[in-house]
């Protein structure tokens, strides 16, 4: 079983290139599953459907997950439902954006 906390910390290394805040604190990570040992499936979204960093951001998430001990294969599924809203921001992200 892969440690979800370690995996989320690894995903925090992936920054949105336009905002400069990590994908976890932005609330872009919708779910992490381990359908079989060593395999992780990450469901994520983007702040907007037309996000120009769509491909690079999802690939960076996949690579970050693949570096976590115990992960043999990582896959990312970009989903649009439910749509992302600013309510998904963490307190740290809100503070960084001056919304706290």
Foldseek 3Di string as FASTA:
>chain_A
DADPVQLVVLQQVQADVVLRGGQQQQLFWPDWDDPDWQEIETEGEDLDPVDPCVVVRQVSSQVSNCPGPRHPGYYYDYDCPPHRDSVSHHPVSCVVVVND
